[in-house]
Amino acid sequence: MPIIETVEQLVDFLEQNAEWRHRLFAILAPRALQRLPEDFEAFREETNRRFNRLERKVDEGFARVDREFENVRSEMRAGFERVDREMREGFERVDREMREGFERQGAQIKHNTDDIAQLKGLSLEHKYREQARSWFSKYLRKIQVVSLADLEERLPEGVTFSDEARDELSNADLLLIGTDKRTGRECVYVMEVSWVVDASDVERAVRRARWLIEYGFCVAAVAAGHELAAGADALAQQLGCGLHIDGRFVREPMGLE
């Protein structure tokens, strides 16, 4: 070992000899200071361990929050879907019930309207029976309201109406017979009576009247009522059907051939 006479020489010597430094540090430094590196390392390890544990807990906490949030979101989504489905089903049910209600109401209104129209038609038909002599006196004399049986009695001996002719003529609303003032011949008026006269009334009156032509009768078809629907006048002109509307002839009856 060299001779050390100054502090500087001692410092240089200790810097060059780690063993001497350690021995000198062990002699001069307090035990607490000597343990400082070990304590610090232990503190660092403990701190790292706690931090790692805390980090795991934080990660687990965030994962749990994520799971819970996803569950809440799933429940909310399912709830919204359920509410949306229930609302749609409710709206569909209400819409269906309203449509069915309107359909029932419409059917009832139509039924009531048909009943009213039928009652009006029956009332008007009765009125024509009562007023036939005055309303048709311009064209006929000795006017009578007759039945199909009355007409069948005028057929030649042994001749009767066919079943088809009977079915048609028995459904005619009114049968009149009288002497035509224009020709002097006995003529039968086959009438369809409706509150509103439409093309179907015209067509039925002419179709039924033509059955009598086959049995030798002089015949005129008349559609009568309170109002005239669109299209009925043109068809009446085409088929030669008389029109008696609201108590007067708007198209005079003509003999069919």
C-alpha atoms as a PDB file:
ATOM      1  CA  MET A   1       0.000   0.000   0.000  1.00  0.00           C
ATOM      2  CA  PRO A   2       1.422   3.423  -0.858  1.00  0.00           C
ATOM      3  CA  ILE A   3       2.161   6.030   1.764  1.00  0.00           C
ATOM      4  CA  ILE A   4      -0.750   8.511   1.919  1.00  0.00           C
ATOM      5  CA  GLU A   5       0.092  11.920   3.271  1.00  0.00           C
ATOM      6  CA  THR A   6      -2.692  14.135   1.928  1.00  0.00           C
ATOM      7  CA  VAL A   7      -6.476  13.925   1.538  1.00  0.00           C
ATOM      8  CA  GLU A   8      -6.145  14.155  -2.184  1.00  0.00           C
ATOM      9  CA  GLN A   9      -3.933  11.071  -2.179  1.00  0.00           C
ATOM     10  CA  LEU A  10      -6.529   9.268  -0.052  1.00  0.00           C
ATOM     11  CA  VAL A  11      -9.301  10.203  -2.468  1.00  0.00           C
ATOM     12  CA  ASP A  12      -7.291   9.045  -5.447  1.00  0.00           C
ATOM     13  CA  PHE A  13      -6.503   5.791  -3.658  1.00  0.00           C
ATOM     14  CA  LEU A  14     -10.129   5.106  -2.739  1.00  0.00           C
ATOM     15  CA  GLU A  15     -11.338   5.901  -6.238  1.00  0.00           C
ATOM     16  CA  GLN A  16      -8.941   3.310  -7.559  1.00  0.00           C
ATOM     17  CA  ASN A  17      -9.784   0.631  -4.941  1.00  0.00           C
ATOM     18  CA  ALA A  18     -13.428  -0.365  -4.635  1.00  0.00           C
ATOM     19  CA  GLU A  19     -12.764  -2.848  -1.829  1.00  0.00           C
ATOM     20  CA  TRP A  20     -11.234  -0.157   0.378  1.00  0.00           C
ATOM     21  CA  ARG A  21     -14.092   2.168  -0.406  1.00  0.00           C
ATOM     22  CA  HIS A  22     -16.631  -0.474   0.653  1.00  0.00           C
ATOM     23  CA  ARG A  23     -14.711  -1.284   3.872  1.00  0.00           C
ATOM     24  CA  LEU A  24     -14.309   2.355   4.690  1.00  0.00           C
ATOM     25  CA  PHE A  25     -18.013   3.026   3.939  1.00  0.00           C
ATOM     26  CA  ALA A  26     -18.965   0.128   6.210  1.00  0.00           C
ATOM     27  CA  ILE A  27     -16.920   1.610   9.041  1.00  0.00           C
ATOM     28  CA  LEU A  28     -17.909   5.247   8.635  1.00  0.00           C
ATOM     29  CA  ALA A  29     -21.557   5.136   7.379  1.00  0.00           C
ATOM     30  CA  PRO A  30     -24.496   4.499   9.756  1.00  0.00           C
ATOM     31  CA  ARG A  31     -26.186   1.158   9.403  1.00  0.00           C
ATOM     32  CA  ALA A  32     -29.408   2.802   8.202  1.00  0.00           C
ATOM     33  CA  LEU A  33     -27.520   4.487   5.394  1.00  0.00           C
ATOM     34  CA  GLN A  34     -25.798   1.232   4.514  1.00  0.00           C
ATOM     35  CA  ARG A  35     -29.173  -0.463   4.163  1.00  0.00           C
ATOM     36  CA  LEU A  36     -30.543   2.327   2.015  1.00  0.00           C
ATOM     37  CA  PRO A  37     -29.844   0.696  -1.371  1.00  0.00           C
ATOM     38  CA  GLU A  38     -31.403  -2.569  -0.227  1.00  0.00           C
ATOM     39  CA  ASP A  39     -34.334  -0.733   1.327  1.00  0.00           C
ATOM     40  CA  PHE A  40     -34.773   1.334  -1.794  1.00  0.00           C
ATOM     41  CA  GLU A  41     -34.702  -1.775  -3.965  1.00  0.00           C
ATOM     42  CA  ALA A  42     -37.228  -3.432  -1.696  1.00  0.00           C
ATOM     43  CA  PHE A  43     -39.347  -0.272  -1.789  1.00  0.00           C
ATOM     44  CA  ARG A  44     -39.140  -0.198  -5.568  1.00  0.00           C
ATOM     45  CA  GLU A  45     -40.164  -3.847  -5.811  1.00  0.00           C
ATOM     46  CA  GLU A  46     -43.042  -3.306  -3.397  1.00  0.00           C
ATOM     47  CA  THR A  47     -44.072  -0.192  -5.252  1.00  0.00           C
ATOM     48  CA  ASN A  48     -43.965  -2.060  -8.557  1.00  0.00           C
ATOM     49  CA  ARG A  49     -45.911  -4.943  -7.043  1.00  0.00           C
ATOM     50  CA  ARG A  50     -48.562  -2.603  -5.654  1.00  0.00           C
ATOM     51  CA  PHE A  51     -48.704  -0.645  -8.888  1.00  0.00           C
ATOM     52  CA  ASN A  52     -49.070  -3.845 -10.875  1.00  0.00           C
ATOM     53  CA  ARG A  53     -51.831  -5.006  -8.523  1.00  0.00           C
ATOM     54  CA  LEU A  54     -53.506  -1.611  -8.780  1.00  0.00           C
ATOM     55  CA  GLU A  55     -53.145  -1.676 -12.551  1.00  0.00           C
ATOM     56  CA  ARG A  56     -54.754  -5.119 -12.666  1.00  0.00           C
ATOM     57  CA  LYS A  57     -57.578  -3.918 -10.464  1.00  0.00           C
ATOM     58  CA  VAL A  58     -58.058  -0.848 -12.652  1.00  0.00           C
ATOM     59  CA  ASP A  59     -58.040  -3.043 -15.758  1.00  0.00           C
ATOM     60  CA  GLU A  60     -60.472  -5.437 -14.115  1.00  0.00           C
ATOM     61  CA  GLY A  61     -62.608  -2.489 -13.032  1.00  0.00           C
ATOM     62  CA  PHE A  62     -62.684  -1.055 -16.546  1.00  0.00           C
ATOM     63  CA  ALA A  63     -63.409  -4.509 -17.946  1.00  0.00           C
ATOM     64  CA  ARG A  64     -66.246  -4.933 -15.444  1.00  0.00           C
ATOM     65  CA  VAL A  65     -67.574  -1.456 -16.304  1.00  0.00           C
ATOM     66  CA  ASP A  66     -67.353  -2.334 -19.996  1.00  0.00           C
ATOM     67  CA  ARG A  67     -69.245  -5.574 -19.380  1.00  0.00           C
ATOM     68  CA  GLU A  68     -71.863  -3.834 -17.288  1.00  0.00           C
ATOM     69  CA  PHE A  69     -72.199  -1.062 -19.837  1.00  0.00           C
ATOM     70  CA  GLU A  70     -72.565  -3.630 -22.601  1.00  0.00           C
ATOM     71  CA  ASN A  71     -75.216  -5.434 -20.527  1.00  0.00           C
ATOM     72  CA  VAL A  72     -77.029  -2.154 -19.960  1.00  0.00           C
ATOM     73  CA  ARG A  73     -76.766  -1.316 -23.631  1.00  0.00           C
ATOM     74  CA  SER A  74     -78.038  -4.784 -24.569  1.00  0.00           C
ATOM     75  CA  GLU A  75     -80.909  -4.451 -22.108  1.00  0.00           C
ATOM     76  CA  MET A  76     -81.717  -0.974 -23.429  1.00  0.00           C
ATOM     77  CA  ARG A  77     -81.554  -2.231 -27.022  1.00  0.00           C
ATOM     78  CA  ALA A  78     -83.787  -5.177 -26.144  1.00  0.00           C
ATOM     79  CA  GLY A  79     -86.107  -2.820 -24.284  1.00  0.00           C
ATOM     80  CA  PHE A  80     -86.315  -0.424 -27.211  1.00  0.00           C
ATOM     81  CA  GLU A  81     -86.911  -3.327 -29.592  1.00  0.00           C
ATOM     82  CA  ARG A  82     -89.634  -4.682 -27.309  1.00  0.00           C
ATOM     83  CA  VAL A  83     -91.267  -1.255 -27.007  1.00  0.00           C
ATOM     84  CA  ASP A  84     -90.983  -0.725 -30.766  1.00  0.00           C
ATOM     85  CA  ARG A  85     -92.469  -4.168 -31.430  1.00  0.00           C
ATOM     86  CA  GLU A  86     -95.283  -3.609 -28.953  1.00  0.00           C
ATOM     87  CA  MET A  87     -95.998  -0.168 -30.436  1.00  0.00           C
ATOM     88  CA  ARG A  88     -96.048  -1.582 -33.968  1.00  0.00           C
ATOM     89  CA  GLU A  89     -98.303  -4.420 -32.868  1.00  0.00           C
ATOM     90  CA  GLY A  90    -100.487  -1.920 -31.043  1.00  0.00           C
ATOM     91  CA  PHE A  91    -100.718   0.371 -34.065  1.00  0.00           C
ATOM     92  CA  GLU A  92    -101.401  -2.588 -36.342  1.00  0.00           C
ATOM     93  CA  ARG A  93    -104.092  -3.847 -33.967  1.00  0.00           C
ATOM     94  CA  VAL A  94    -105.694  -0.410 -33.732  1.00  0.00           C
ATOM     95  CA  ASP A  95    -105.457   0.019 -37.512  1.00  0.00           C
ATOM     96  CA  ARG A  96    -106.966  -3.430 -38.072  1.00  0.00           C
ATOM     97  CA  GLU A  97    -109.744  -2.796 -35.579  1.00  0.00           C
ATOM     98  CA  MET A  98    -110.455   0.607 -37.152  1.00  0.00           C
ATOM     99  CA  ARG A  99    -110.553  -0.908 -40.654  1.00  0.00           C
ATOM    100  CA  GLU A 100    -112.815  -3.696 -39.464  1.00  0.00           C
ATOM    101  CA  GLY A 101    -114.972  -1.130 -37.701  1.00  0.00           C
ATOM    102  CA  PHE A 102    -115.180   1.012 -40.827  1.00  0.00           C
ATOM    103  CA  GLU A 103    -115.935  -2.061 -42.923  1.00  0.00           C
ATOM    104  CA  ARG A 104    -118.682  -3.123 -40.514  1.00  0.00           C
ATOM    105  CA  GLN A 105    -120.003   0.409 -40.435  1.00  0.00           C
ATOM    106  CA  GLY A 106    -119.814   0.620 -44.228  1.00  0.00           C
ATOM    107  CA  ALA A 107    -121.582  -2.716 -44.574  1.00  0.00           C
ATOM    108  CA  GLN A 108    -124.237  -1.590 -42.098  1.00  0.00           C
ATOM    109  CA  ILE A 109    -124.666   1.716 -43.911  1.00  0.00           C
ATOM    110  CA  LYS A 110    -124.924  -0.140 -47.236  1.00  0.00           C
ATOM    111  CA  HIS A 111    -127.396  -2.563 -45.682  1.00  0.00           C
ATOM    112  CA  ASN A 112    -129.422   0.314 -44.289  1.00  0.00           C
ATOM    113  CA  THR A 113    -129.169   2.147 -47.605  1.00  0.00           C
ATOM    114  CA  ASP A 114    -130.311  -0.958 -49.478  1.00  0.00           C
ATOM    115  CA  ASP A 115    -133.178  -1.394 -47.031  1.00  0.00           C
ATOM    116  CA  ILE A 116    -134.184   2.243 -47.424  1.00  0.00           C
ATOM    117  CA  ALA A 117    -133.909   1.994 -51.214  1.00  0.00           C
ATOM    118  CA  GLN A 118    -136.020  -1.171 -51.130  1.00  0.00           C
ATOM    119  CA  LEU A 119    -138.636   0.508 -48.950  1.00  0.00           C
ATOM    120  CA  LYS A 120    -138.643   3.535 -51.240  1.00  0.00           C
ATOM    121  CA  GLY A 121    -138.986   1.235 -54.240  1.00  0.00           C
ATOM    122  CA  LEU A 122    -141.879  -0.666 -52.672  1.00  0.00           C
ATOM    123  CA  SER A 123    -143.560   2.578 -51.723  1.00  0.00           C
ATOM    124  CA  LEU A 124    -143.076   3.914 -55.231  1.00  0.00           C
ATOM    125  CA  GLU A 125    -144.301   0.665 -56.764  1.00  0.00           C
ATOM    126  CA  HIS A 126    -147.477   0.921 -54.667  1.00  0.00           C
ATOM    127  CA  LYS A 127    -147.885   4.507 -55.826  1.00  0.00           C
ATOM    128  CA  TYR A 128    -147.642   3.433 -59.471  1.00  0.00           C
ATOM    129  CA  ARG A 129    -150.324   0.820 -58.901  1.00  0.00           C
ATOM    130  CA  GLU A 130    -152.576   3.517 -57.452  1.00  0.00           C
ATOM    131  CA  GLN A 131    -151.749   6.197 -60.035  1.00  0.00           C
ATOM    132  CA  ALA A 132    -151.436   4.037 -63.175  1.00  0.00           C
ATOM    133  CA  ARG A 133    -154.811   5.084 -64.650  1.00  0.00           C
ATOM    134  CA  SER A 134    -153.957   8.779 -64.458  1.00  0.00           C
ATOM    135  CA  TRP A 135    -150.223   8.636 -65.232  1.00  0.00           C
ATOM    136  CA  PHE A 136    -150.600   6.410 -68.304  1.00  0.00           C
ATOM    137  CA  SER A 137    -153.913   7.743 -69.629  1.00  0.00           C
ATOM    138  CA  LYS A 138    -152.078   9.757 -72.286  1.00  0.00           C
ATOM    139  CA  TYR A 139    -151.174   6.525 -74.094  1.00  0.00           C
ATOM    140  CA  LEU A 140    -153.702   3.911 -72.880  1.00  0.00           C
ATOM    141  CA  ARG A 141    -157.446   3.553 -72.367  1.00  0.00           C
ATOM    142  CA  LYS A 142    -159.168   1.077 -70.057  1.00  0.00           C
ATOM    143  CA  ILE A 143    -156.004   0.630 -68.015  1.00  0.00           C
ATOM    144  CA  GLN A 144    -155.794  -2.333 -65.662  1.00  0.00           C
ATOM    145  CA  VAL A 145    -153.088  -3.608 -63.333  1.00  0.00           C
ATOM    146  CA  VAL A 146    -152.837  -7.329 -64.123  1.00  0.00           C
ATOM    147  CA  SER A 147    -150.964 -10.387 -62.906  1.00  0.00           C
ATOM    148  CA  LEU A 148    -149.091 -13.015 -64.871  1.00  0.00           C
ATOM    149  CA  ALA A 149    -152.095 -15.320 -64.422  1.00  0.00           C
ATOM    150  CA  ASP A 150    -154.339 -12.681 -66.039  1.00  0.00           C
ATOM    151  CA  LEU A 151    -152.036 -12.571 -69.067  1.00  0.00           C
ATOM    152  CA  GLU A 152    -151.863 -16.350 -69.283  1.00  0.00           C
ATOM    153  CA  GLU A 153    -155.678 -16.455 -69.542  1.00  0.00           C
ATOM    154  CA  ARG A 154    -155.390 -14.373 -72.723  1.00  0.00           C
ATOM    155  CA  LEU A 155    -153.178 -16.990 -74.388  1.00  0.00           C
ATOM    156  CA  PRO A 156    -154.675 -19.340 -76.997  1.00  0.00           C
ATOM    157  CA  GLU A 157    -156.187 -22.588 -75.741  1.00  0.00           C
ATOM    158  CA  GLY A 158    -153.486 -25.050 -74.694  1.00  0.00           C
ATOM    159  CA  VAL A 159    -150.685 -22.453 -74.645  1.00  0.00           C
ATOM    160  CA  THR A 160    -148.935 -21.610 -71.382  1.00  0.00           C
ATOM    161  CA  PHE A 161    -145.860 -19.646 -70.445  1.00  0.00           C
ATOM    162  CA  SER A 162    -142.588 -21.562 -70.294  1.00  0.00           C
ATOM    163  CA  ASP A 163    -140.885 -21.906 -66.939  1.00  0.00           C
ATOM    164  CA  GLU A 164    -138.193 -19.411 -67.977  1.00  0.00           C
ATOM    165  CA  ALA A 165    -140.781 -16.896 -69.190  1.00  0.00           C
ATOM    166  CA  ARG A 166    -142.757 -17.382 -66.005  1.00  0.00           C
ATOM    167  CA  ASP A 167    -139.650 -16.809 -63.853  1.00  0.00           C
ATOM    168  CA  GLU A 168    -138.847 -13.584 -65.688  1.00  0.00           C
ATOM    169  CA  LEU A 169    -142.356 -12.143 -65.895  1.00  0.00           C
ATOM    170  CA  SER A 170    -143.314 -13.031 -62.327  1.00  0.00           C
ATOM    171  CA  ASN A 171    -140.455 -10.802 -61.156  1.00  0.00           C
ATOM    172  CA  ALA A 172    -141.645  -7.771 -63.103  1.00  0.00           C
ATOM    173  CA  ASP A 173    -142.563  -4.956 -60.722  1.00  0.00           C
ATOM    174  CA  LEU A 174    -145.779  -3.996 -62.510  1.00  0.00           C
ATOM    175  CA  LEU A 175    -147.860  -5.269 -65.449  1.00  0.00           C
ATOM    176  CA  LEU A 176    -150.407  -2.941 -67.052  1.00  0.00           C
ATOM    177  CA  ILE A 177    -152.762  -3.666 -69.883  1.00  0.00           C
ATOM    178  CA  GLY A 178    -154.905  -1.288 -71.873  1.00  0.00           C
ATOM    179  CA  THR A 179    -155.817  -0.134 -75.356  1.00  0.00           C
ATOM    180  CA  ASP A 180    -153.075   1.869 -77.074  1.00  0.00           C
ATOM    181  CA  LYS A 181    -154.599   5.163 -78.188  1.00  0.00           C
ATOM    182  CA  ARG A 182    -152.142   5.427 -81.065  1.00  0.00           C
ATOM    183  CA  THR A 183    -152.769   1.999 -82.630  1.00  0.00           C
ATOM    184  CA  GLY A 184    -156.059   0.812 -81.131  1.00  0.00           C
ATOM    185  CA  ARG A 185    -154.412  -2.451 -80.123  1.00  0.00           C
ATOM    186  CA  GLU A 186    -154.442  -3.959 -76.671  1.00  0.00           C
ATOM    187  CA  CYS A 187    -150.948  -3.470 -75.239  1.00  0.00           C
ATOM    188  CA  VAL A 188    -149.106  -4.695 -72.156  1.00  0.00           C
ATOM    189  CA  TYR A 189    -146.700  -2.395 -70.324  1.00  0.00           C
ATOM    190  CA  VAL A 190    -143.946  -4.332 -68.534  1.00  0.00           C
ATOM    191  CA  MET A 191    -142.546  -2.048 -65.847  1.00  0.00           C
ATOM    192  CA  GLU A 192    -139.497  -1.912 -63.597  1.00  0.00           C
ATOM    193  CA  VAL A 193    -139.912   0.525 -60.703  1.00  0.00           C
ATOM    194  CA  SER A 194    -136.943   1.860 -58.697  1.00  0.00           C
ATOM    195  CA  TRP A 195    -136.367   5.008 -56.715  1.00  0.00           C
ATOM    196  CA  VAL A 196    -133.313   5.704 -58.915  1.00  0.00           C
ATOM    197  CA  VAL A 197    -133.734   4.294 -62.419  1.00  0.00           C
ATOM    198  CA  ASP A 198    -130.440   3.010 -63.810  1.00  0.00           C
ATOM    199  CA  ALA A 199    -129.310   1.036 -66.843  1.00  0.00           C
ATOM    200  CA  SER A 200    -130.049  -2.312 -65.175  1.00  0.00           C
ATOM    201  CA  ASP A 201    -133.725  -1.315 -64.690  1.00  0.00           C
ATOM    202  CA  VAL A 202    -133.947  -0.440 -68.384  1.00  0.00           C
ATOM    203  CA  GLU A 203    -132.295  -3.714 -69.387  1.00  0.00           C
ATOM    204  CA  ARG A 204    -134.612  -5.821 -67.168  1.00  0.00           C
ATOM    205  CA  ALA A 205    -137.778  -4.094 -68.388  1.00  0.00           C
ATOM    206  CA  VAL A 206    -136.879  -4.703 -72.052  1.00  0.00           C
ATOM    207  CA  ARG A 207    -135.707  -8.293 -71.456  1.00  0.00           C
ATOM    208  CA  ARG A 208    -138.912  -9.240 -69.659  1.00  0.00           C
ATOM    209  CA  ALA A 209    -141.137  -7.433 -72.141  1.00  0.00           C
ATOM    210  CA  ARG A 210    -139.635  -9.367 -75.037  1.00  0.00           C
ATOM    211  CA  TRP A 211    -140.797 -12.629 -73.515  1.00  0.00           C
ATOM    212  CA  LEU A 212    -144.402 -11.521 -74.110  1.00  0.00           C
ATOM    213  CA  ILE A 213    -143.660 -10.752 -77.757  1.00  0.00           C
ATOM    214  CA  GLU A 214    -142.970 -14.456 -78.276  1.00  0.00           C
ATOM    215  CA  TYR A 215    -146.546 -15.172 -77.133  1.00  0.00           C
ATOM    216  CA  GLY A 216    -148.129 -12.664 -79.507  1.00  0.00           C
ATOM    217  CA  PHE A 217    -148.691  -9.708 -77.164  1.00  0.00           C
ATOM    218  CA  CYS A 218    -148.246  -6.093 -78.141  1.00  0.00           C
ATOM    219  CA  VAL A 219    -145.706  -4.954 -75.573  1.00  0.00           C
ATOM    220  CA  ALA A 220    -143.968  -1.818 -74.343  1.00  0.00           C
ATOM    221  CA  ALA A 221    -141.181  -1.686 -71.731  1.00  0.00           C
ATOM    222  CA  VAL A 222    -141.148   1.117 -69.161  1.00  0.00           C
ATOM    223  CA  ALA A 223    -138.610   1.926 -66.452  1.00  0.00           C
ATOM    224  CA  ALA A 224    -140.098   4.216 -63.825  1.00  0.00           C
ATOM    225  CA  GLY A 225    -138.909   5.988 -60.702  1.00  0.00           C
ATOM    226  CA  HIS A 226    -138.135   9.196 -58.885  1.00  0.00           C
ATOM    227  CA  GLU A 227    -134.662   9.904 -60.344  1.00  0.00           C
ATOM    228  CA  LEU A 228    -132.723   8.956 -63.456  1.00  0.00           C
ATOM    229  CA  ALA A 229    -129.136   7.693 -63.169  1.00  0.00           C
ATOM    230  CA  ALA A 230    -126.438   8.511 -65.698  1.00  0.00           C
ATOM    231  CA  GLY A 231    -126.426   6.201 -68.689  1.00  0.00           C
ATOM    232  CA  ALA A 232    -130.027   5.055 -68.312  1.00  0.00           C
ATOM    233  CA  ASP A 233    -131.476   7.507 -70.857  1.00  0.00           C
ATOM    234  CA  ALA A 234    -128.986   6.557 -73.589  1.00  0.00           C
ATOM    235  CA  LEU A 235    -129.665   2.840 -73.094  1.00  0.00           C
ATOM    236  CA  ALA A 236    -133.436   3.431 -73.026  1.00  0.00           C
ATOM    237  CA  GLN A 237    -133.186   5.233 -76.376  1.00  0.00           C
ATOM    238  CA  GLN A 238    -131.073   2.422 -77.800  1.00  0.00           C
ATOM    239  CA  LEU A 239    -133.426  -0.363 -76.636  1.00  0.00           C
ATOM    240  CA  GLY A 240    -136.739   1.479 -77.152  1.00  0.00           C
ATOM    241  CA  CYS A 241    -137.664   1.596 -73.471  1.00  0.00           C
ATOM    242  CA  GLY A 242    -140.023   4.241 -72.090  1.00  0.00           C
ATOM    243  CA  LEU A 243    -138.909   6.313 -69.092  1.00  0.00           C
ATOM    244  CA  HIS A 244    -141.370   7.656 -66.539  1.00  0.00           C
ATOM    245  CA  ILE A 245    -139.513   9.828 -64.024  1.00  0.00           C
ATOM    246  CA  ASP A 246    -141.003  11.811 -61.140  1.00  0.00           C
ATOM    247  CA  GLY A 247    -144.591  11.575 -62.411  1.00  0.00           C
ATOM    248  CA  ARG A 248    -144.007  12.279 -66.130  1.00  0.00           C
ATOM    249  CA  PHE A 249    -142.715  10.575 -69.235  1.00  0.00           C
ATOM    250  CA  VAL A 250    -139.258  11.765 -70.277  1.00  0.00           C
ATOM    251  CA  ARG A 251    -139.188   9.115 -72.996  1.00  0.00           C
ATOM    252  CA  GLU A 252    -142.516   7.861 -74.324  1.00  0.00           C
ATOM    253  CA  PRO A 253    -143.277   4.119 -74.398  1.00  0.00           C
ATOM    254  CA  MET A 254    -142.941   2.442 -77.756  1.00  0.00           C
ATOM    255  CA  GLY A 255    -144.136  -0.948 -78.912  1.00  0.00           C
ATOM    256  CA  LEU A 256    -141.331  -3.488 -79.043  1.00  0.00           C
ATOM    257  CA  GLU A 257    -140.897  -5.883 -81.933  1.00  0.00           C
END
